[in-house]
């Protein structure tokens, strides 16, 4: 008799298909066995990856708190430990294997401990097989589309005394009424879309998170209104490509519409991430420029400055398109802050194509850029491409790009010194608990001396020192 319940196994074949989705309003009941075994006990969630993963953590925590569990940061105290994984790059995936491996001793000493591995890594067929073989003590493997089943999966593990695998690749419905336990008391992520339909040739996301699907406007606005009424100071609208919001609804609803409607609710700060340049239209620019509570900080992934490489990547825009968009944004909002993602060493990238990327970076002058050496993801088209560029060449190009980006970041950071900015105070600095830290409207972190009553408030701070990736400031008393 099998010791594992295989509810669903991942399939890239299924994930490539674009099934219709429907909105399901969940009616959640805590299984009695879960209450009996776990009520009053502690859970711990370790999350890796993007804002979507952080938002998934908040939902998983919401379910566990419904079961009367409490959060802890101490592994030894936890009765449920969830490793919430990211698969975007190979390095992130390897880190996950290390984290899961570290739990073996805890599981050996506490047979009742429930270990769950969730997120994007388990959505990959080969990775899941490797995880199951390497870590037989993991109790539940749960995919990104199975979060709404969390309590039922735990109940199965307890009642059947078997491992559980539930990693569907074809469940692409939108689930509402999912409980949430916000990580921050004054800043919130709000999903507006799930999944992605772009299928950039290097990207694993369309396979691990499924088809692009939008929440209904009424459900988004209801969630945001609750946050405003609860005193939240900042909302970030989240999607793999927020600009594509509403396309699947086929009723004319656009991202510009939902962005404006949320801005009109009166939230002091409104952000969104991530934007694909191909969907960034003039209406969006107009809305951002119109509402002062929409932050003038945009993350706009470039990925490459070569048209040939962009085409191989399946990015759907040219360098000319991208630069025209940057020009429009800066013409309407001269104070806008731009950051980006760039990949070097894409298969068969020539030296000339790399130099074209440097040229675009020089022209745009980003406030910050996240730079990566291309990491092949098994199952994507790019992973099948033959590559004649050596690791040494890729490393040299990465270093050249990083040097340019670092110089721009340092020069742009120096411009902050001596100026006053509005800061949303997060709390005490993690590195120095004698000072507070918070973020500018352009999303730059500032450390300054202040009293605890400022946490969660927006205050004015004068920047006195640049540390390139953070600032030191002093509170402006008004």
Protein backbone atom coordinates (compact mmCIF):
# COMPACT_ATOMS: atom_id res chain seq x y z
CA UNK A 1 0.00 0.00 0.00
CA UNK A 2 1.33 3.43 -0.95
CA UNK A 3 2.50 5.70 1.86
CA UNK A 4 1.70 8.79 -0.21
CA UNK A 5 -1.58 10.29 -1.38
CA UNK A 6 -0.98 11.69 -4.88
CA UNK A 7 -3.90 14.08 -5.29
CA UNK A 8 -2.29 16.00 -8.16
CA UNK A 9 1.12 15.97 -9.83
CA UNK A 10 2.54 18.93 -11.79
CA UNK A 11 2.47 18.85 -15.57
CA UNK A 12 4.04 21.44 -17.85
CA UNK A 13 1.87 20.04 -20.64
CA UNK A 14 -1.25 20.97 -18.68
CA UNK A 15 0.28 24.26 -17.55
CA UNK A 16 0.87 25.33 -21.16
CA UNK A 17 -2.84 25.06 -21.94
CA UNK A 18 -5.07 28.03 -21.26
CA UNK A 19 -8.19 26.74 -19.52
CA UNK A 20 -11.14 29.04 -18.80
CA UNK A 21 -11.34 30.13 -15.16
CA UNK A 22 -14.21 31.04 -12.89
CA UNK A 23 -14.46 32.93 -9.61
CA UNK A 24 -15.18 30.72 -6.62
CA UNK A 25 -16.26 32.17 -3.28
CA UNK A 26 -14.88 29.79 -0.69
CA UNK A 27 -16.80 28.67 2.37
CA UNK A 28 -14.07 27.70 4.80
CA UNK A 29 -14.52 25.29 7.67
CA UNK A 30 -11.66 24.19 9.87
CA UNK A 31 -11.55 20.36 9.91
CA UNK A 32 -12.22 19.09 13.41
CA UNK A 33 -9.07 16.94 13.41
CA UNK A 34 -6.97 20.02 12.63
CA UNK A 35 -8.52 21.93 15.53
CA UNK A 36 -8.03 18.98 17.86
CA UNK A 37 -4.36 18.48 16.96
CA UNK A 38 -3.13 22.01 16.29
CA UNK A 39 -5.28 24.53 18.16
CA UNK A 40 -3.09 26.74 20.35
CA UNK A 41 0.13 25.52 18.75
CA UNK A 42 2.65 27.42 16.61
CA UNK A 43 3.45 27.63 12.92
CA UNK A 44 6.42 29.05 11.03
CA UNK A 45 6.53 30.08 7.36
CA UNK A 46 9.78 30.80 5.50
CA UNK A 47 9.15 32.57 2.22
CA UNK A 48 11.53 33.05 -0.69
CA UNK A 49 10.96 35.04 -3.87
CA UNK A 50 8.69 37.78 -5.09
CA UNK A 51 5.74 39.75 -3.72
CA UNK A 52 3.37 37.08 -5.02
CA UNK A 53 5.08 34.57 -2.72
CA UNK A 54 4.81 36.99 0.21
CA UNK A 55 1.10 37.36 -0.51
CA UNK A 56 0.78 33.55 -0.62
CA UNK A 57 2.39 33.43 2.84
CA UNK A 58 -0.22 35.85 4.16
CA UNK A 59 -3.00 33.56 2.88
CA UNK A 60 -1.43 30.42 4.35
CA UNK A 61 -0.99 32.21 7.66
CA UNK A 62 -4.64 33.27 7.48
CA UNK A 63 -5.78 29.66 7.21
CA UNK A 64 -3.59 28.51 10.09
CA UNK A 65 -4.78 31.33 12.34
CA UNK A 66 -8.36 30.29 11.52
CA UNK A 67 -7.35 26.95 13.05
CA UNK A 68 -6.35 28.87 16.21
CA UNK A 69 -2.63 28.49 15.59
CA UNK A 70 -0.08 31.18 16.41
CA UNK A 71 2.93 32.41 14.47
CA UNK A 72 6.48 31.87 15.74
CA UNK A 73 9.95 32.56 14.37
CA UNK A 74 11.51 29.70 16.36
CA UNK A 75 11.70 26.39 14.47
CA UNK A 76 11.90 24.37 17.71
CA UNK A 77 8.52 25.73 18.87
CA UNK A 78 6.64 25.06 15.61
CA UNK A 79 4.16 22.26 15.02
CA UNK A 80 3.79 23.25 11.34
CA UNK A 81 6.69 24.53 9.22
CA UNK A 82 6.09 25.72 5.67
CA UNK A 83 8.92 26.38 3.21
CA UNK A 84 7.37 28.66 0.56
CA UNK A 85 9.58 28.37 -2.52
CA UNK A 86 10.73 30.40 -5.52
CA UNK A 87 11.85 28.91 -8.85
CA UNK A 88 12.67 31.96 -10.94
CA UNK A 89 16.43 31.33 -10.80
CA UNK A 90 18.60 28.30 -10.18
CA UNK A 91 20.32 29.88 -7.18
CA UNK A 92 17.00 30.47 -5.43
CA UNK A 93 16.01 26.86 -6.04
CA UNK A 94 19.26 25.51 -4.59
CA UNK A 95 18.71 27.62 -1.48
CA UNK A 96 15.36 25.88 -1.00
CA UNK A 97 16.99 22.44 -0.96
CA UNK A 98 19.30 23.66 1.78
CA UNK A 99 16.41 25.00 3.86
CA UNK A 100 14.40 21.78 3.60
CA UNK A 101 17.49 19.73 4.42
CA UNK A 102 18.00 21.69 7.63
CA UNK A 103 14.65 20.44 8.95
CA UNK A 104 15.65 16.77 9.10
CA UNK A 105 16.88 16.98 12.68
CA UNK A 106 13.72 18.72 13.87
CA UNK A 107 11.54 16.09 12.20
CA UNK A 108 13.61 13.28 13.70
CA UNK A 109 13.18 14.69 17.21
CA UNK A 110 9.50 15.57 16.76
CA UNK A 111 7.50 13.00 14.80
CA UNK A 112 4.35 15.15 15.11
CA UNK A 113 5.95 18.11 13.32
CA UNK A 114 4.22 18.73 9.98
CA UNK A 115 6.68 19.88 7.29
CA UNK A 116 5.16 21.44 4.17
CA UNK A 117 6.97 22.51 1.01
CA UNK A 118 4.87 24.90 -1.09
CA UNK A 119 5.31 27.37 -3.93
CA UNK A 120 6.84 27.47 -7.38
CA UNK A 121 9.63 24.89 -7.05
CA UNK A 122 7.18 22.05 -6.41
CA UNK A 123 5.24 23.05 -9.55
CA UNK A 124 8.15 21.71 -11.64
CA UNK A 125 7.96 18.00 -12.39
CA UNK A 126 11.68 17.29 -12.11
CA UNK A 127 12.17 19.45 -9.01
CA UNK A 128 9.24 17.83 -7.20
CA UNK A 129 10.55 14.35 -7.98
CA UNK A 130 13.98 15.33 -6.64
CA UNK A 131 12.48 16.88 -3.49
CA UNK A 132 10.38 13.80 -2.77
CA UNK A 133 13.36 11.50 -3.21
CA UNK A 134 15.82 13.64 -1.26
CA UNK A 135 13.53 14.59 1.64
CA UNK A 136 11.20 11.68 2.45
CA UNK A 137 10.35 13.29 5.79
CA UNK A 138 8.37 16.13 4.14
CA UNK A 139 4.70 15.58 4.96
CA UNK A 140 2.97 17.73 2.31
CA UNK A 141 3.99 19.07 -1.08
CA UNK A 142 1.54 21.79 -2.07
CA UNK A 143 1.43 23.78 -5.33
CA UNK A 144 0.72 27.46 -5.88
CA UNK A 145 -2.82 26.62 -6.98
CA UNK A 146 -3.61 24.53 -3.90
CA UNK A 147 -3.27 27.12 -1.14
CA UNK A 148 -7.05 27.18 -0.62
CA UNK A 149 -6.82 23.48 0.35
CA UNK A 150 -4.18 23.96 3.07
CA UNK A 151 -6.30 22.93 6.08
CA UNK A 152 -7.84 19.98 4.21
CA UNK A 153 -4.38 18.75 3.21
CA UNK A 154 -3.21 18.93 6.81
CA UNK A 155 -6.32 17.01 7.86
CA UNK A 156 -5.55 14.34 5.25
CA UNK A 157 -1.99 14.01 6.55
CA UNK A 158 -3.24 13.51 10.10
CA UNK A 159 -6.19 11.18 9.44
CA UNK A 160 -4.62 9.01 6.73
CA UNK A 161 -1.12 8.99 8.26
CA UNK A 162 0.29 9.36 4.75
CA UNK A 163 2.36 11.92 2.89
CA UNK A 164 0.27 14.18 0.65
CA UNK A 165 1.14 15.62 -2.76
CA UNK A 166 -1.28 18.15 -4.24
CA UNK A 167 0.30 20.14 -7.07
CA UNK A 168 -2.34 20.89 -9.71
CA UNK A 169 -1.28 22.53 -12.97
CA UNK A 170 -4.80 22.89 -14.37
CA UNK A 171 -6.67 24.48 -11.44
CA UNK A 172 -6.74 28.09 -12.60
CA UNK A 173 -9.84 29.41 -10.89
CA UNK A 174 -9.85 32.61 -8.86
CA UNK A 175 -10.63 31.96 -5.19
CA UNK A 176 -12.18 34.71 -3.10
CA UNK A 177 -12.84 34.91 0.65
CA UNK A 178 -9.42 33.45 1.40
CA UNK A 179 -8.39 34.52 4.91
CA UNK A 180 -5.34 36.73 5.28
CA UNK A 181 -2.93 37.52 8.07
CA UNK A 182 -1.06 40.65 6.97
CA UNK A 183 2.67 40.62 7.65
CA UNK A 184 2.85 44.41 8.05
CA UNK A 185 0.29 46.46 10.01
CA UNK A 186 0.32 49.48 7.67
CA UNK A 187 1.45 48.19 4.24
CA UNK A 188 -0.42 45.58 2.22
CA UNK A 189 -0.08 43.60 -0.98
CA UNK A 190 -3.28 43.06 -2.95
CA UNK A 191 -3.38 40.55 -5.79
CA UNK A 192 -5.19 41.80 -8.87
CA UNK A 193 -4.02 39.08 -11.27
CA UNK A 194 -2.58 35.59 -10.98
CA UNK A 195 -0.35 33.79 -13.45
CA UNK A 196 1.03 35.02 -16.76
CA UNK A 197 0.32 34.56 -20.47
CA UNK A 198 3.45 36.22 -21.86
CA UNK A 199 5.58 33.05 -22.09
CA UNK A 200 8.92 34.85 -22.30
CA UNK A 201 11.23 32.08 -23.47
CA UNK A 202 13.42 32.13 -20.34
CA UNK A 203 10.64 32.37 -17.75
CA UNK A 204 9.17 29.55 -15.67
CA UNK A 205 6.28 31.61 -14.21
CA UNK A 206 3.57 30.75 -16.80
CA UNK A 207 4.14 27.09 -15.92
CA UNK A 208 4.40 27.40 -12.14
CA UNK A 209 1.58 29.92 -11.63
CA UNK A 210 -0.66 29.10 -14.56
CA UNK A 211 -2.67 31.21 -16.94
CA UNK A 212 -3.20 34.92 -16.52
CA UNK A 213 -6.45 35.51 -14.69
CA UNK A 214 -7.90 38.68 -13.21
CA UNK A 215 -9.88 39.17 -10.03
CA UNK A 216 -13.18 40.97 -10.45
CA UNK A 217 -12.99 44.75 -9.84
CA UNK A 218 -15.59 44.61 -7.06
CA UNK A 219 -13.56 42.05 -5.11
CA UNK A 220 -10.35 44.07 -5.45
CA UNK A 221 -12.01 47.30 -4.41
CA UNK A 222 -13.73 45.64 -1.47
CA UNK A 223 -10.38 44.37 -0.16
CA UNK A 224 -8.73 47.75 -0.67
CA UNK A 225 -11.58 49.61 1.04
CA UNK A 226 -11.19 47.39 4.10
CA UNK A 227 -7.49 48.24 4.19
CA UNK A 228 -8.20 51.98 3.91
CA UNK A 229 -10.84 51.76 6.64
CA UNK A 230 -8.38 49.85 8.83
CA UNK A 231 -5.83 52.66 8.64
CA UNK A 232 -3.36 51.16 6.19
CA UNK A 233 -1.01 53.71 4.66
CA UNK A 234 0.16 51.85 1.56
CA UNK A 235 -1.26 49.33 -0.89
CA UNK A 236 0.76 47.57 -3.58
CA UNK A 237 -1.26 46.03 -6.40
CA UNK A 238 0.44 42.75 -7.32
CA UNK A 239 0.55 40.63 -10.45
CA UNK A 240 3.14 38.98 -12.66
CA UNK A 241 2.13 41.65 -15.20
CA UNK A 242 -0.35 44.09 -13.66
CA UNK A 243 -0.66 45.97 -16.96
CA UNK A 244 -2.49 42.98 -18.45
CA UNK A 245 -5.20 43.18 -15.78
CA UNK A 246 -8.69 42.79 -17.23
CA UNK A 247 -7.74 41.39 -20.64
CA UNK A 248 -9.17 37.98 -19.77
CA UNK A 249 -12.40 39.53 -18.42
CA UNK A 250 -13.24 40.58 -22.00
CA UNK A 251 -15.51 43.42 -20.86
CA UNK A 252 -13.26 46.40 -21.46
CA UNK A 253 -11.89 46.52 -17.91
CA UNK A 254 -8.27 47.73 -17.87
CA UNK A 255 -5.48 48.17 -15.36
CA UNK A 256 -5.84 51.93 -15.72
CA UNK A 257 -9.43 51.61 -14.51
CA UNK A 258 -8.61 49.56 -11.41
CA UNK A 259 -5.57 51.74 -10.63
CA UNK A 260 -7.69 54.88 -10.70
CA UNK A 261 -10.52 53.34 -8.68
CA UNK A 262 -8.13 52.24 -5.93
CA UNK A 263 -6.42 55.66 -5.94
CA UNK A 264 -9.83 57.30 -5.46
CA UNK A 265 -10.37 55.31 -2.25
CA UNK A 266 -7.91 57.67 -0.58
CA UNK A 267 -5.09 55.31 0.35
CA UNK A 268 -2.11 57.62 1.12
CA UNK A 269 0.30 55.56 -0.97
CA UNK A 270 -0.47 53.31 -3.93
CA UNK A 271 2.10 51.20 -5.76
CA UNK A 272 2.00 48.41 -8.34
CA UNK A 273 4.37 45.69 -9.49
CA UNK A 274 5.38 44.38 -12.00
CA UNK A 275 4.83 46.18 -15.31
CA UNK A 276 5.59 44.70 -18.71
CA UNK A 277 6.67 47.44 -21.16
CA UNK A 278 4.54 45.93 -23.92
CA UNK A 279 1.27 46.69 -22.07
CA UNK A 280 2.24 50.11 -20.71
CA UNK A 281 -0.09 52.48 -22.55
CA UNK A 282 -0.70 56.24 -22.50
CA UNK A 283 -3.84 55.87 -20.36
CA UNK A 284 -1.73 54.34 -17.59
CA UNK A 285 0.72 57.22 -17.76
CA UNK A 286 -2.17 59.71 -17.54
CA UNK A 287 -3.61 58.01 -14.45
CA UNK A 288 -0.26 57.83 -12.65
CA UNK A 289 0.39 61.51 -13.40
CA UNK A 290 -3.13 62.51 -12.31
CA UNK A 291 -3.13 61.06 -8.78
CA UNK A 292 -0.46 62.23 -6.30
CA UNK A 293 -1.04 59.18 -4.09
CA UNK A 294 0.19 56.89 -6.89
CA UNK A 295 3.91 56.67 -6.22
CA UNK A 296 6.25 57.91 -8.95
CA UNK A 297 8.35 54.75 -8.78
CA UNK A 298 8.05 52.22 -11.60
CA UNK A 299 9.87 48.94 -12.00
CA UNK A 300 10.15 48.47 -15.75
CA UNK A 301 12.11 45.35 -16.74
CA UNK A 302 14.35 45.86 -19.77
CA UNK A 303 16.01 42.40 -19.78
CA UNK A 304 18.20 43.26 -22.80
CA UNK A 305 19.21 46.28 -24.88
CA UNK A 306 19.44 44.22 -28.08
CA UNK A 307 16.45 43.86 -30.38
CA UNK A 308 17.71 40.45 -31.52
CA UNK A 309 17.93 39.16 -27.95
CA UNK A 310 14.58 40.70 -27.01
CA UNK A 311 13.01 38.80 -29.91
CA UNK A 312 14.65 35.55 -28.79
CA UNK A 313 13.36 36.24 -25.29
CA UNK A 314 9.82 36.74 -26.60
CA UNK A 315 9.56 40.16 -24.99
CA UNK A 316 7.29 41.72 -27.69
CA UNK A 317 8.87 45.18 -27.72
CA UNK A 318 11.93 46.76 -29.28
CA UNK A 319 14.58 48.98 -27.72
CA UNK A 320 12.99 51.91 -29.57
CA UNK A 321 9.59 51.08 -28.01
CA UNK A 322 11.15 50.88 -24.55
CA UNK A 323 13.04 54.17 -24.84
CA UNK A 324 9.96 55.95 -26.18
CA UNK A 325 8.03 54.74 -23.11
CA UNK A 326 10.78 56.05 -20.80
CA UNK A 327 10.69 59.40 -22.60
CA UNK A 328 6.91 59.64 -22.18
CA UNK A 329 7.09 58.80 -18.49
CA UNK A 330 9.76 61.39 -17.78
CA UNK A 331 8.03 64.05 -19.88
CA UNK A 332 4.85 63.69 -17.82
CA UNK A 333 6.57 63.07 -14.47
CA UNK A 334 10.12 64.46 -14.31
CA UNK A 335 10.48 63.18 -10.74
CA UNK A 336 9.76 59.57 -11.66
CA UNK A 337 12.12 56.88 -10.36
CA UNK A 338 12.85 53.97 -12.70
CA UNK A 339 14.31 50.59 -11.77
CA UNK A 340 14.72 47.53 -13.96
CA UNK A 341 15.74 43.88 -14.42
CA UNK A 342 18.51 42.91 -16.85
CA UNK A 343 19.73 39.47 -17.91
CA UNK A 344 23.23 39.04 -19.35
CA UNK A 345 24.55 35.95 -21.09
CA UNK A 346 21.31 34.88 -22.75
CA UNK A 347 22.11 31.94 -25.08
CA UNK A 348 24.41 33.06 -27.90
CA UNK A 349 24.45 36.72 -26.86
CA UNK A 350 27.26 38.38 -28.81
CA UNK A 351 29.65 40.97 -27.45
CA UNK A 352 27.98 43.58 -29.69
CA UNK A 353 24.54 42.70 -28.33
CA UNK A 354 25.85 43.02 -24.79
CA UNK A 355 27.35 46.44 -25.60
CA UNK A 356 23.91 47.50 -26.88
CA UNK A 357 22.53 46.68 -23.43
CA UNK A 358 25.18 48.87 -21.79
CA UNK A 359 24.24 51.68 -24.19
CA UNK A 360 20.57 51.53 -23.14
CA UNK A 361 21.49 51.46 -19.45
CA UNK A 362 23.68 54.54 -19.94
CA UNK A 363 20.85 56.33 -21.74
CA UNK A 364 18.08 55.54 -19.24
CA UNK A 365 20.20 56.08 -16.10
CA UNK A 366 18.27 53.82 -13.71
CA UNK A 367 17.99 54.56 -10.03
CA UNK A 368 18.68 50.88 -9.44
CA UNK A 369 18.83 47.70 -11.51
CA UNK A 370 18.62 44.02 -10.62
CA UNK A 371 21.18 42.25 -12.79
CA UNK A 372 21.44 38.52 -13.39
CA UNK A 373 23.44 36.03 -15.39
CA UNK A 374 20.99 33.98 -17.46
CA UNK A 375 19.79 30.94 -15.51
CA UNK A 376 18.23 28.16 -17.65
CA UNK A 377 14.94 26.85 -16.34
CA UNK A 378 14.16 23.31 -17.49
CA UNK A 379 10.94 23.20 -19.52
CA UNK A 380 11.29 26.67 -21.03
CA UNK A 381 12.19 27.18 -24.72
CA UNK A 382 15.42 29.02 -23.89
CA UNK A 383 16.70 26.01 -21.95
CA UNK A 384 16.75 24.06 -25.23
CA UNK A 385 18.87 26.63 -27.05
CA UNK A 386 22.49 25.74 -27.73
CA UNK A 387 24.79 28.34 -26.20
CA UNK A 388 28.27 29.22 -27.41
CA UNK A 389 28.99 31.84 -24.73
CA UNK A 390 31.30 30.56 -21.98
CA UNK A 391 30.61 31.02 -18.28
CA UNK A 392 33.73 33.16 -18.09
CA UNK A 393 32.42 35.52 -20.77
CA UNK A 394 29.05 35.73 -19.08
CA UNK A 395 30.76 36.55 -15.78
CA UNK A 396 32.88 39.28 -17.36
CA UNK A 397 29.82 40.87 -18.96
CA UNK A 398 27.91 40.70 -15.70
CA UNK A 399 30.74 42.47 -13.89
CA UNK A 400 30.85 45.23 -16.51
CA UNK A 401 27.10 45.74 -16.32
CA UNK A 402 27.14 45.72 -12.52
CA UNK A 403 29.92 48.33 -12.44
CA UNK A 404 27.85 50.62 -14.66
CA UNK A 405 24.66 50.08 -12.66
CA UNK A 406 26.50 50.63 -9.38
CA UNK A 407 27.96 53.91 -10.61
CA UNK A 408 24.51 55.13 -11.68
CA UNK A 409 22.97 54.04 -8.41
CA UNK A 410 25.65 55.86 -6.42
CA UNK A 411 25.36 59.06 -8.48
CA UNK A 412 21.55 59.09 -8.27
CA UNK A 413 21.64 58.39 -4.54
CA UNK A 414 23.92 61.39 -3.98
CA UNK A 415 21.17 63.64 -5.39
CA UNK A 416 18.97 62.82 -2.39
CA UNK A 417 21.36 64.33 0.13
CA UNK A 418 20.20 67.68 1.52
CA UNK A 419 16.60 67.23 0.38
CA UNK A 420 13.47 66.47 2.41
CA UNK A 421 11.24 63.48 1.67
CA UNK A 422 8.07 61.95 3.02
CA UNK A 423 8.87 58.64 4.72
CA UNK A 424 6.44 55.87 5.65
CA UNK A 425 7.96 54.52 8.86
CA UNK A 426 8.14 50.71 8.94
CA UNK A 427 9.71 50.24 12.36
CA UNK A 428 13.15 49.87 13.87
CA UNK A 429 16.08 49.11 11.59
CA UNK A 430 17.00 45.42 11.49
CA UNK A 431 20.70 46.28 11.64
CA UNK A 432 20.48 49.06 14.24
CA UNK A 433 17.56 48.94 16.66
CA UNK A 434 18.38 52.41 17.97
CA UNK A 435 17.01 54.03 14.80
CA UNK A 436 13.79 53.90 12.82
CA UNK A 437 13.63 53.02 9.14
CA UNK A 438 11.11 53.70 6.42
CA UNK A 439 10.72 54.31 2.71
CA UNK A 440 10.56 57.35 0.47
CA UNK A 441 7.89 57.65 -2.21
CA UNK A 442 10.54 56.36 -4.63
CA UNK A 443 10.93 53.27 -2.41
CA UNK A 444 14.38 54.10 -1.00
CA UNK A 445 15.07 53.10 2.60
CA UNK A 446 15.99 55.83 5.11
CA UNK A 447 17.27 55.41 8.69
CA UNK A 448 16.72 58.16 11.27
CA UNK A 449 16.31 58.74 14.98
CA UNK A 450 12.71 58.90 16.12
CA UNK A 451 10.18 57.73 18.68
CA UNK A 452 8.10 54.52 18.46
CA UNK A 453 4.85 56.43 18.02
CA UNK A 454 6.00 57.34 14.47
CA UNK A 455 5.83 53.71 13.29
CA UNK A 456 3.11 53.36 10.67
CA UNK A 457 2.99 57.10 10.02
CA UNK A 458 4.22 59.26 7.15
CA UNK A 459 6.76 61.84 8.32
CA UNK A 460 9.15 64.30 6.71
CA UNK A 461 12.86 63.48 6.89
CA UNK A 462 15.88 65.37 5.59
CA UNK A 463 18.54 63.17 3.99
CA UNK A 464 21.96 63.87 5.52
CA UNK A 465 24.04 60.97 4.17
CA UNK A 466 23.93 58.53 1.27
CA UNK A 467 25.00 54.95 1.78
CA UNK A 468 24.10 54.25 -1.86
CA UNK A 469 21.42 51.61 -1.20
CA UNK A 470 20.10 53.34 1.92
CA UNK A 471 20.17 56.79 3.47
CA UNK A 472 20.67 58.42 6.85
CA UNK A 473 18.35 61.27 7.68
CA UNK A 474 17.01 63.48 10.43
CA UNK A 475 13.40 64.05 11.32
CA UNK A 476 11.94 67.40 10.26
CA UNK A 477 9.77 68.75 13.05
CA UNK A 478 6.79 70.65 11.69
